[in-house]
Amino acid sequence: MRRLIGLLLLAAAIAVLVWEAMGLVQYGEWRLIAFGEIAFRLAPESLNLAQAVTQRYVAPWLWDPVIQTFLLWPAWPILGGLAVLFLAWGRPRRRR
């Protein structure tokens, strides 16, 4: 299951990178797609709920400097990094 999630995340990272490249061809400029932009397009209510829960029940300082920073980063490196983690975690162990 971890490998499947890793492969889906890798496919998503490649798709976002291709989407950015298509913007370069179409508009003549490279526009990075932020991770938060994708999260907002997929489920805007969930993003607001995550902010409220994090600030109210977890730690108020965690949302503004930490999570918000990740949401402003480009999407493909985050998705690609998560894909690498899941693929490495889901790799079968070697028998000796």
C-alpha atoms as a PDB file:
ATOM      1  CA  MET A   1       0.000   0.000   0.000  1.00  0.00           C
ATOM      2  CA  ARG A   2       2.878   2.375   0.792  1.00  0.00           C
ATOM      3  CA  ARG A   3       4.395   1.761  -2.622  1.00  0.00           C
ATOM      4  CA  LEU A   4       1.083   2.556  -4.294  1.00  0.00           C
ATOM      5  CA  ILE A   5       0.791   5.822  -2.361  1.00  0.00           C
ATOM      6  CA  GLY A   6       4.403   6.616  -3.265  1.00  0.00           C
ATOM      7  CA  LEU A   7       3.767   5.970  -6.948  1.00  0.00           C
ATOM      8  CA  LEU A   8       0.625   8.112  -6.897  1.00  0.00           C
ATOM      9  CA  LEU A   9       2.528  10.948  -5.224  1.00  0.00           C
ATOM     10  CA  LEU A  10       5.322  10.607  -7.781  1.00  0.00           C
ATOM     11  CA  ALA A  11       2.786  10.753 -10.608  1.00  0.00           C
ATOM     12  CA  ALA A  12       1.240  13.863  -9.036  1.00  0.00           C
ATOM     13  CA  ALA A  13       4.678  15.525  -8.731  1.00  0.00           C
ATOM     14  CA  ILE A  14       5.435  14.794 -12.383  1.00  0.00           C
ATOM     15  CA  ALA A  15       1.985  16.048 -13.431  1.00  0.00           C
ATOM     16  CA  VAL A  16       2.499  19.346 -11.580  1.00  0.00           C
ATOM     17  CA  LEU A  17       5.946  19.754 -13.128  1.00  0.00           C
ATOM     18  CA  VAL A  18       4.523  19.109 -16.604  1.00  0.00           C
ATOM     19  CA  TRP A  19       1.691  21.574 -15.900  1.00  0.00           C
ATOM     20  CA  GLU A  20       4.263  24.222 -14.973  1.00  0.00           C
ATOM     21  CA  ALA A  21       6.249  23.461 -18.136  1.00  0.00           C
ATOM     22  CA  MET A  22       3.098  23.806 -20.241  1.00  0.00           C
ATOM     23  CA  GLY A  23       2.624  27.251 -18.729  1.00  0.00           C
ATOM     24  CA  LEU A  24       6.146  28.115 -19.865  1.00  0.00           C
ATOM     25  CA  VAL A  25       5.333  27.074 -23.432  1.00  0.00           C
ATOM     26  CA  GLN A  26       1.940  28.763 -23.446  1.00  0.00           C
ATOM     27  CA  TYR A  27       2.701  32.034 -21.632  1.00  0.00           C
ATOM     28  CA  GLY A  28       6.468  32.297 -21.970  1.00  0.00           C
ATOM     29  CA  GLU A  29       7.145  32.310 -18.247  1.00  0.00           C
ATOM     30  CA  TRP A  30       7.638  29.649 -15.613  1.00  0.00           C
ATOM     31  CA  ARG A  31       4.992  29.983 -12.904  1.00  0.00           C
ATOM     32  CA  LEU A  32       5.476  27.762  -9.885  1.00  0.00           C
ATOM     33  CA  ILE A  33       2.335  26.161  -8.499  1.00  0.00           C
ATOM     34  CA  ALA A  34       2.285  26.380  -4.711  1.00  0.00           C
ATOM     35  CA  PHE A  35       1.350  23.345  -2.631  1.00  0.00           C
ATOM     36  CA  GLY A  36      -1.308  25.419  -0.873  1.00  0.00           C
ATOM     37  CA  GLU A  37      -2.875  26.332  -4.212  1.00  0.00           C
ATOM     38  CA  ILE A  38      -3.372  22.668  -5.027  1.00  0.00           C
ATOM     39  CA  ALA A  39      -4.687  21.941  -1.535  1.00  0.00           C
ATOM     40  CA  PHE A  40      -7.131  24.830  -1.830  1.00  0.00           C
ATOM     41  CA  ARG A  41      -8.350  23.737  -5.255  1.00  0.00           C
ATOM     42  CA  LEU A  42      -8.892  20.161  -4.092  1.00  0.00           C
ATOM     43  CA  ALA A  43     -10.663  20.930  -0.815  1.00  0.00           C
ATOM     44  CA  PRO A  44     -10.923  24.580   0.320  1.00  0.00           C
ATOM     45  CA  GLU A  45     -13.020  23.708   3.374  1.00  0.00           C
ATOM     46  CA  SER A  46     -10.432  21.208   4.598  1.00  0.00           C
ATOM     47  CA  LEU A  47      -7.661  23.779   4.483  1.00  0.00           C
ATOM     48  CA  ASN A  48      -9.669  26.209   6.614  1.00  0.00           C
ATOM     49  CA  LEU A  49     -10.609  23.424   9.009  1.00  0.00           C
ATOM     50  CA  ALA A  50      -6.983  22.314   9.308  1.00  0.00           C
ATOM     51  CA  GLN A  51      -5.958  25.870  10.161  1.00  0.00           C
ATOM     52  CA  ALA A  52      -8.660  26.216  12.821  1.00  0.00           C
ATOM     53  CA  VAL A  53      -7.893  22.848  14.411  1.00  0.00           C
ATOM     54  CA  THR A  54      -4.145  23.448  14.384  1.00  0.00           C
ATOM     55  CA  GLN A  55      -4.398  26.896  15.914  1.00  0.00           C
ATOM     56  CA  ARG A  56      -7.050  25.986  18.480  1.00  0.00           C
ATOM     57  CA  TYR A  57      -6.147  22.462  19.605  1.00  0.00           C
ATOM     58  CA  VAL A  58      -2.550  21.754  18.620  1.00  0.00           C
ATOM     59  CA  ALA A  59      -0.399  24.876  18.829  1.00  0.00           C
ATOM     60  CA  PRO A  60      -1.153  28.371  17.503  1.00  0.00           C
ATOM     61  CA  TRP A  61       2.485  28.979  16.559  1.00  0.00           C
ATOM     62  CA  LEU A  62       2.574  25.836  14.395  1.00  0.00           C
ATOM     63  CA  TRP A  63       0.311  27.155  11.638  1.00  0.00           C
ATOM     64  CA  ASP A  64       1.860  30.528  10.855  1.00  0.00           C
ATOM     65  CA  PRO A  65       5.572  29.903  10.565  1.00  0.00           C
ATOM     66  CA  VAL A  66       5.626  26.145   9.875  1.00  0.00           C
ATOM     67  CA  ILE A  67       2.606  24.868   7.959  1.00  0.00           C
ATOM     68  CA  GLN A  68       2.038  28.115   6.102  1.00  0.00           C
ATOM     69  CA  THR A  69       5.615  27.969   4.837  1.00  0.00           C
ATOM     70  CA  PHE A  70       5.027  24.494   3.396  1.00  0.00           C
ATOM     71  CA  LEU A  71       1.831  25.698   1.734  1.00  0.00           C
ATOM     72  CA  LEU A  72       3.759  28.462  -0.042  1.00  0.00           C
ATOM     73  CA  TRP A  73       6.484  26.147  -1.366  1.00  0.00           C
ATOM     74  CA  PRO A  74       6.272  24.768  -4.910  1.00  0.00           C
ATOM     75  CA  ALA A  75       4.140  21.637  -5.080  1.00  0.00           C
ATOM     76  CA  TRP A  76       6.324  19.294  -7.122  1.00  0.00           C
ATOM     77  CA  PRO A  77       9.278  19.093  -4.683  1.00  0.00           C
ATOM     78  CA  ILE A  78       6.952  18.452  -1.748  1.00  0.00           C
ATOM     79  CA  LEU A  79       5.014  15.770  -3.620  1.00  0.00           C
ATOM     80  CA  GLY A  80       8.242  14.288  -4.959  1.00  0.00           C
ATOM     81  CA  GLY A  81       9.836  14.223  -1.514  1.00  0.00           C
ATOM     82  CA  LEU A  82       6.796  12.532  -0.013  1.00  0.00           C
ATOM     83  CA  ALA A  83       6.862  10.040  -2.891  1.00  0.00           C
ATOM     84  CA  VAL A  84      10.502   9.175  -2.194  1.00  0.00           C
ATOM     85  CA  LEU A  85       9.720   8.693   1.502  1.00  0.00           C
ATOM     86  CA  PHE A  86       6.770   6.404   0.810  1.00  0.00           C
ATOM     87  CA  LEU A  87       8.657   4.433  -1.835  1.00  0.00           C
ATOM     88  CA  ALA A  88      11.638   3.952   0.470  1.00  0.00           C
ATOM     89  CA  TRP A  89       9.369   3.052   3.378  1.00  0.00           C
ATOM     90  CA  GLY A  90       7.379   0.606   1.272  1.00  0.00           C
ATOM     91  CA  ARG A  91      10.398  -1.137  -0.189  1.00  0.00           C
ATOM     92  CA  PRO A  92      10.550  -4.841   0.678  1.00  0.00           C
ATOM     93  CA  ARG A  93      13.353  -5.842   3.010  1.00  0.00           C
ATOM     94  CA  ARG A  94      16.168  -7.966   1.688  1.00  0.00           C
ATOM     95  CA  ARG A  95      16.650 -11.393   3.148  1.00  0.00           C
ATOM     96  CA  ARG A  96      20.143 -12.455   4.092  1.00  0.00           C
END
